[in-house]
Amino acid sequence: FRGNSSKNHGGAIYARNLLSIKNAVFDSNSSTTAYGGAIYASTIKLSISGSAFTQNSAVEEGGALYVSGSNSSEDILELTVSDSLFSKNTSKTYGGAVYLASSSRAYFKNTDFLENSANRGGAIYATESTFEIDEATISGNTSTSYGGAINVCENSTAVLNKISASENKGSSGGVI
């Protein structure tokens, strides 16, 4: 998926159902006025493995991925990402690589976040969500505001295991 764009949501993919992605490359995709430079996913189960997200961009949230459930406990988005890379993705607002919202649950395993940037949460921005990162390198991410790498806010929970974090920069919280 290279060089795709959407005026609205999801530069390459707009998904509202079950979706499994394996061994894919998402490069230089964009959402020119809204969310999810590469993928916009809402109220679904999304599984990603062995994939790379590079140089994707969104004017709003989620330079590479925008994922959101709904405010209903019946509509929870479940995201699983393994053995993947998020590098040099950008958002002008929140979540340079990933934006998690509204009852999202996410698990990242052996997935690296390198040189992503946003106003808040250079790599990840989470609101009303729960996520876990297990075995990752989080390096060189930047935000012009909160959370150089990760911004966890508004009833969100983050669990970080076996993380190597270096050279992340934000005006408040270099890493988190």
C-alpha atoms as a PDB file:
ATOM      1  CA  PHE A   1       0.000   0.000   0.000  1.00  0.00           C
ATOM      2  CA  ARG A   2       2.057   2.928  -1.269  1.00  0.00           C
ATOM      3  CA  GLY A   3       1.140   6.518  -1.995  1.00  0.00           C
ATOM      4  CA  ASN A   4      -2.602   6.214  -1.435  1.00  0.00           C
ATOM      5  CA  SER A   5      -4.677   9.092  -0.085  1.00  0.00           C
ATOM      6  CA  SER A   6      -8.145   9.836   1.167  1.00  0.00           C
ATOM      7  CA  LYS A   7      -9.784  13.188   1.594  1.00  0.00           C
ATOM      8  CA  ASN A   8     -11.470  11.843   4.716  1.00  0.00           C
ATOM      9  CA  HIS A   9     -10.580   8.786   6.845  1.00  0.00           C
ATOM     10  CA  GLY A  10      -8.051   6.047   6.057  1.00  0.00           C
ATOM     11  CA  GLY A  11      -5.506   6.889   3.372  1.00  0.00           C
ATOM     12  CA  ALA A  12      -5.262   3.219   2.330  1.00  0.00           C
ATOM     13  CA  ILE A  13      -7.959   1.352   4.328  1.00  0.00           C
ATOM     14  CA  TYR A  14     -11.266   2.310   5.955  1.00  0.00           C
ATOM     15  CA  ALA A  15     -12.465  -0.694   8.004  1.00  0.00           C
ATOM     16  CA  ARG A  16     -15.571  -1.343  10.091  1.00  0.00           C
ATOM     17  CA  ASN A  17     -15.438  -5.136  10.246  1.00  0.00           C
ATOM     18  CA  LEU A  18     -12.943  -7.941  10.961  1.00  0.00           C
ATOM     19  CA  LEU A  19      -9.577  -7.330   9.343  1.00  0.00           C
ATOM     20  CA  SER A  20      -6.308  -9.275   9.387  1.00  0.00           C
ATOM     21  CA  ILE A  21      -3.149  -7.873   7.796  1.00  0.00           C
ATOM     22  CA  LYS A  22       0.012  -9.942   7.368  1.00  0.00           C
ATOM     23  CA  ASN A  23       3.403  -9.017   5.916  1.00  0.00           C
ATOM     24  CA  ALA A  24       2.242  -5.731   4.411  1.00  0.00           C
ATOM     25  CA  VAL A  25       3.977  -2.418   3.773  1.00  0.00           C
ATOM     26  CA  PHE A  26       2.116   0.868   4.259  1.00  0.00           C
ATOM     27  CA  ASP A  27       4.307   3.658   2.937  1.00  0.00           C
ATOM     28  CA  SER A  28       3.527   7.329   2.207  1.00  0.00           C
ATOM     29  CA  ASN A  29      -0.254   7.027   2.553  1.00  0.00           C
ATOM     30  CA  SER A  30      -2.237  10.030   3.780  1.00  0.00           C
ATOM     31  CA  SER A  31      -5.528  11.293   5.080  1.00  0.00           C
ATOM     32  CA  THR A  32      -5.560  14.830   3.742  1.00  0.00           C
ATOM     33  CA  THR A  33      -8.283  16.316   5.986  1.00  0.00           C
ATOM     34  CA  ALA A  34      -9.058  13.763   8.697  1.00  0.00           C
ATOM     35  CA  TYR A  35      -7.969  10.582  10.543  1.00  0.00           C
ATOM     36  CA  GLY A  36      -5.738   7.573   9.881  1.00  0.00           C
ATOM     37  CA  GLY A  37      -2.982   8.167   7.344  1.00  0.00           C
ATOM     38  CA  ALA A  38      -2.831   4.465   6.446  1.00  0.00           C
ATOM     39  CA  ILE A  39      -5.765   2.817   8.281  1.00  0.00           C
ATOM     40  CA  TYR A  40      -8.973   4.042   9.900  1.00  0.00           C
ATOM     41  CA  ALA A  41     -10.584   1.260  11.965  1.00  0.00           C
ATOM     42  CA  SER A  42     -13.769   1.551  13.993  1.00  0.00           C
ATOM     43  CA  THR A  43     -15.711  -1.013  16.058  1.00  0.00           C
ATOM     44  CA  ILE A  44     -13.842  -4.070  14.753  1.00  0.00           C
ATOM     45  CA  LYS A  45     -11.162  -6.629  15.543  1.00  0.00           C
ATOM     46  CA  LEU A  46      -7.961  -5.701  13.752  1.00  0.00           C
ATOM     47  CA  SER A  47      -4.893  -7.941  13.652  1.00  0.00           C
ATOM     48  CA  ILE A  48      -1.592  -6.821  12.118  1.00  0.00           C
ATOM     49  CA  SER A  49       1.581  -8.925  11.920  1.00  0.00           C
ATOM     50  CA  GLY A  50       4.930  -8.642  10.186  1.00  0.00           C
ATOM     51  CA  SER A  51       4.075  -5.248   8.712  1.00  0.00           C
ATOM     52  CA  ALA A  52       5.751  -1.861   8.304  1.00  0.00           C
ATOM     53  CA  PHE A  53       4.136   1.578   8.501  1.00  0.00           C
ATOM     54  CA  THR A  54       6.493   4.257   7.194  1.00  0.00           C
ATOM     55  CA  GLN A  55       6.052   7.928   6.309  1.00  0.00           C
ATOM     56  CA  ASN A  56       2.246   7.901   6.550  1.00  0.00           C
ATOM     57  CA  SER A  57       0.513  11.119   7.569  1.00  0.00           C
ATOM     58  CA  ALA A  58      -2.794  12.479   8.811  1.00  0.00           C
ATOM     59  CA  VAL A  59      -3.903  16.061   9.189  1.00  0.00           C
ATOM     60  CA  GLU A  60      -5.867  15.021  12.269  1.00  0.00           C
ATOM     61  CA  GLU A  61      -5.324  11.999  14.572  1.00  0.00           C
ATOM     62  CA  GLY A  62      -3.316   8.855  13.810  1.00  0.00           C
ATOM     63  CA  GLY A  63      -0.478   9.334  11.336  1.00  0.00           C
ATOM     64  CA  ALA A  64      -0.515   5.608  10.508  1.00  0.00           C
ATOM     65  CA  LEU A  65      -3.454   4.111  12.477  1.00  0.00           C
ATOM     66  CA  TYR A  66      -6.632   5.587  13.884  1.00  0.00           C
ATOM     67  CA  VAL A  67      -8.526   3.019  15.967  1.00  0.00           C
ATOM     68  CA  SER A  68     -11.712   3.633  17.879  1.00  0.00           C
ATOM     69  CA  GLY A  69     -14.481   1.597  19.423  1.00  0.00           C
ATOM     70  CA  SER A  70     -17.655   3.320  20.467  1.00  0.00           C
ATOM     71  CA  ASN A  71     -18.726   4.474  23.877  1.00  0.00           C
ATOM     72  CA  SER A  72     -20.844   1.323  24.191  1.00  0.00           C
ATOM     73  CA  SER A  73     -19.339  -1.633  26.062  1.00  0.00           C
ATOM     74  CA  GLU A  74     -20.689  -3.837  23.250  1.00  0.00           C
ATOM     75  CA  ASP A  75     -18.595  -2.103  20.592  1.00  0.00           C
ATOM     76  CA  ILE A  76     -14.989  -2.390  21.718  1.00  0.00           C
ATOM     77  CA  LEU A  77     -12.229  -2.235  19.153  1.00  0.00           C
ATOM     78  CA  GLU A  78      -9.544  -4.876  19.677  1.00  0.00           C
ATOM     79  CA  LEU A  79      -6.183  -4.246  18.039  1.00  0.00           C
ATOM     80  CA  THR A  80      -3.287  -6.714  18.046  1.00  0.00           C
ATOM     81  CA  VAL A  81       0.011  -5.769  16.407  1.00  0.00           C
ATOM     82  CA  SER A  82       3.037  -8.085  16.372  1.00  0.00           C
ATOM     83  CA  ASP A  83       6.471  -8.124  14.766  1.00  0.00           C
ATOM     84  CA  SER A  84       5.877  -4.769  13.090  1.00  0.00           C
ATOM     85  CA  LEU A  85       7.437  -1.330  12.653  1.00  0.00           C
ATOM     86  CA  PHE A  86       6.063   2.222  12.838  1.00  0.00           C
ATOM     87  CA  SER A  87       8.623   4.699  11.516  1.00  0.00           C
ATOM     88  CA  LYS A  88       8.534   8.356  10.459  1.00  0.00           C
ATOM     89  CA  ASN A  89       4.735   8.668  10.576  1.00  0.00           C
ATOM     90  CA  THR A  90       3.252  12.087  11.362  1.00  0.00           C
ATOM     91  CA  SER A  91       0.058  13.659  12.654  1.00  0.00           C
ATOM     92  CA  LYS A  92      -0.514  17.365  13.017  1.00  0.00           C
ATOM     93  CA  THR A  93      -2.568  16.709  16.163  1.00  0.00           C
ATOM     94  CA  TYR A  94      -2.501  13.459  18.200  1.00  0.00           C
ATOM     95  CA  GLY A  95      -0.700  10.142  17.728  1.00  0.00           C
ATOM     96  CA  GLY A  96       2.114  10.360  15.199  1.00  0.00           C
ATOM     97  CA  ALA A  97       1.902   6.604  14.594  1.00  0.00           C
ATOM     98  CA  VAL A  98      -1.207   5.390  16.490  1.00  0.00           C
ATOM     99  CA  TYR A  99      -4.323   7.048  17.923  1.00  0.00           C
ATOM    100  CA  LEU A 100      -6.428   4.901  20.300  1.00  0.00           C
ATOM    101  CA  ALA A 101      -9.867   6.093  21.431  1.00  0.00           C
ATOM    102  CA  SER A 102     -13.284   5.211  22.834  1.00  0.00           C
ATOM    103  CA  SER A 103     -13.036   1.754  24.385  1.00  0.00           C
ATOM    104  CA  SER A 104     -10.091   0.570  22.289  1.00  0.00           C
ATOM    105  CA  ARG A 105      -7.970  -2.286  23.582  1.00  0.00           C
ATOM    106  CA  ALA A 106      -4.572  -2.737  21.990  1.00  0.00           C
ATOM    107  CA  TYR A 107      -1.649  -5.121  22.382  1.00  0.00           C
ATOM    108  CA  PHE A 108       1.709  -4.492  20.694  1.00  0.00           C
ATOM    109  CA  LYS A 109       4.272  -7.321  20.744  1.00  0.00           C
ATOM    110  CA  ASN A 110       7.794  -6.990  19.338  1.00  0.00           C
ATOM    111  CA  THR A 111       6.775  -3.798  17.538  1.00  0.00           C
ATOM    112  CA  ASP A 112       9.085  -0.794  17.276  1.00  0.00           C
ATOM    113  CA  PHE A 113       8.176   2.915  17.187  1.00  0.00           C
ATOM    114  CA  LEU A 114      10.928   5.025  15.604  1.00  0.00           C
ATOM    115  CA  GLU A 115      11.021   8.737  14.696  1.00  0.00           C
ATOM    116  CA  ASN A 116       7.260   9.374  14.655  1.00  0.00           C
ATOM    117  CA  SER A 117       5.939  12.861  15.422  1.00  0.00           C
ATOM    118  CA  ALA A 118       2.776  14.705  16.473  1.00  0.00           C
ATOM    119  CA  ASN A 119       1.583  17.606  18.585  1.00  0.00           C
ATOM    120  CA  ARG A 120       0.762  15.130  21.414  1.00  0.00           C
ATOM    121  CA  GLY A 121       1.985  11.544  21.640  1.00  0.00           C
ATOM    122  CA  GLY A 122       4.781  11.368  19.094  1.00  0.00           C
ATOM    123  CA  ALA A 123       4.228   7.620  18.651  1.00  0.00           C
ATOM    124  CA  ILE A 124       0.974   6.808  20.528  1.00  0.00           C
ATOM    125  CA  TYR A 125      -1.896   8.876  21.868  1.00  0.00           C
ATOM    126  CA  ALA A 126      -4.509   7.062  23.983  1.00  0.00           C
ATOM    127  CA  THR A 127      -7.803   8.377  25.307  1.00  0.00           C
ATOM    128  CA  GLU A 128     -10.401   6.187  27.057  1.00  0.00           C
ATOM    129  CA  SER A 129      -8.361   3.136  26.001  1.00  0.00           C
ATOM    130  CA  THR A 130      -6.223   0.342  27.376  1.00  0.00           C
ATOM    131  CA  PHE A 131      -3.009  -0.827  25.763  1.00  0.00           C
ATOM    132  CA  GLU A 132       0.061  -2.939  26.412  1.00  0.00           C
ATOM    133  CA  ILE A 133       3.446  -2.834  24.712  1.00  0.00           C
ATOM    134  CA  ASP A 134       5.650  -5.877  25.164  1.00  0.00           C
ATOM    135  CA  GLU A 135       9.251  -6.020  23.866  1.00  0.00           C
ATOM    136  CA  ALA A 136       9.707  -2.835  21.856  1.00  0.00           C
ATOM    137  CA  THR A 137      12.180  -0.128  20.971  1.00  0.00           C
ATOM    138  CA  ILE A 138      10.677   3.344  21.271  1.00  0.00           C
ATOM    139  CA  SER A 139      13.232   5.831  19.964  1.00  0.00           C
ATOM    140  CA  GLY A 140      13.508   9.250  18.367  1.00  0.00           C
ATOM    141  CA  ASN A 141       9.800  10.117  18.632  1.00  0.00           C
ATOM    142  CA  THR A 142       8.825  13.753  19.162  1.00  0.00           C
ATOM    143  CA  SER A 143       5.857  15.841  20.200  1.00  0.00           C
ATOM    144  CA  THR A 144       5.554  19.588  20.417  1.00  0.00           C
ATOM    145  CA  SER A 145       3.467  19.176  23.566  1.00  0.00           C
ATOM    146  CA  TYR A 146       2.782  16.201  25.878  1.00  0.00           C
ATOM    147  CA  GLY A 147       4.408  12.774  25.585  1.00  0.00           C
ATOM    148  CA  GLY A 148       7.391  12.726  23.289  1.00  0.00           C
ATOM    149  CA  ALA A 149       6.647   9.073  22.584  1.00  0.00           C
ATOM    150  CA  ILE A 150       3.360   8.266  24.394  1.00  0.00           C
ATOM    151  CA  ASN A 151       0.516  10.417  25.701  1.00  0.00           C
ATOM    152  CA  VAL A 152      -1.841   8.509  28.017  1.00  0.00           C
ATOM    153  CA  CYS A 153      -4.871  10.499  29.099  1.00  0.00           C
ATOM    154  CA  GLU A 154      -8.604  10.539  29.932  1.00  0.00           C
ATOM    155  CA  ASN A 155      -9.246   7.203  31.657  1.00  0.00           C
ATOM    156  CA  SER A 156      -6.598   5.296  29.712  1.00  0.00           C
ATOM    157  CA  THR A 157      -4.283   2.589  31.008  1.00  0.00           C
ATOM    158  CA  ALA A 158      -0.864   1.651  29.640  1.00  0.00           C
ATOM    159  CA  VAL A 159       1.334  -1.325  30.518  1.00  0.00           C
ATOM    160  CA  LEU A 160       4.922  -1.338  29.231  1.00  0.00           C
ATOM    161  CA  ASN A 161       7.087  -4.487  29.435  1.00  0.00           C
ATOM    162  CA  LYS A 162      10.686  -4.908  28.258  1.00  0.00           C
ATOM    163  CA  ILE A 163      10.871  -1.503  26.585  1.00  0.00           C
ATOM    164  CA  SER A 164      13.982   0.274  25.360  1.00  0.00           C
ATOM    165  CA  ALA A 165      13.231   4.005  25.162  1.00  0.00           C
ATOM    166  CA  SER A 166      15.798   6.570  24.001  1.00  0.00           C
ATOM    167  CA  GLU A 167      16.052  10.001  22.412  1.00  0.00           C
ATOM    168  CA  ASN A 168      12.302  10.778  22.599  1.00  0.00           C
ATOM    169  CA  LYS A 169      11.422  14.469  23.040  1.00  0.00           C
ATOM    170  CA  GLY A 170       8.353  16.366  24.210  1.00  0.00           C
ATOM    171  CA  SER A 171       7.786  19.663  25.994  1.00  0.00           C
ATOM    172  CA  SER A 172       6.258  17.705  28.910  1.00  0.00           C
ATOM    173  CA  GLY A 173       7.292  14.061  29.340  1.00  0.00           C
ATOM    174  CA  GLY A 174      10.079  12.984  27.031  1.00  0.00           C
ATOM    175  CA  VAL A 175       8.773   9.421  26.866  1.00  0.00           C
ATOM    176  CA  ILE A 176       5.357   9.492  28.582  1.00  0.00           C
END
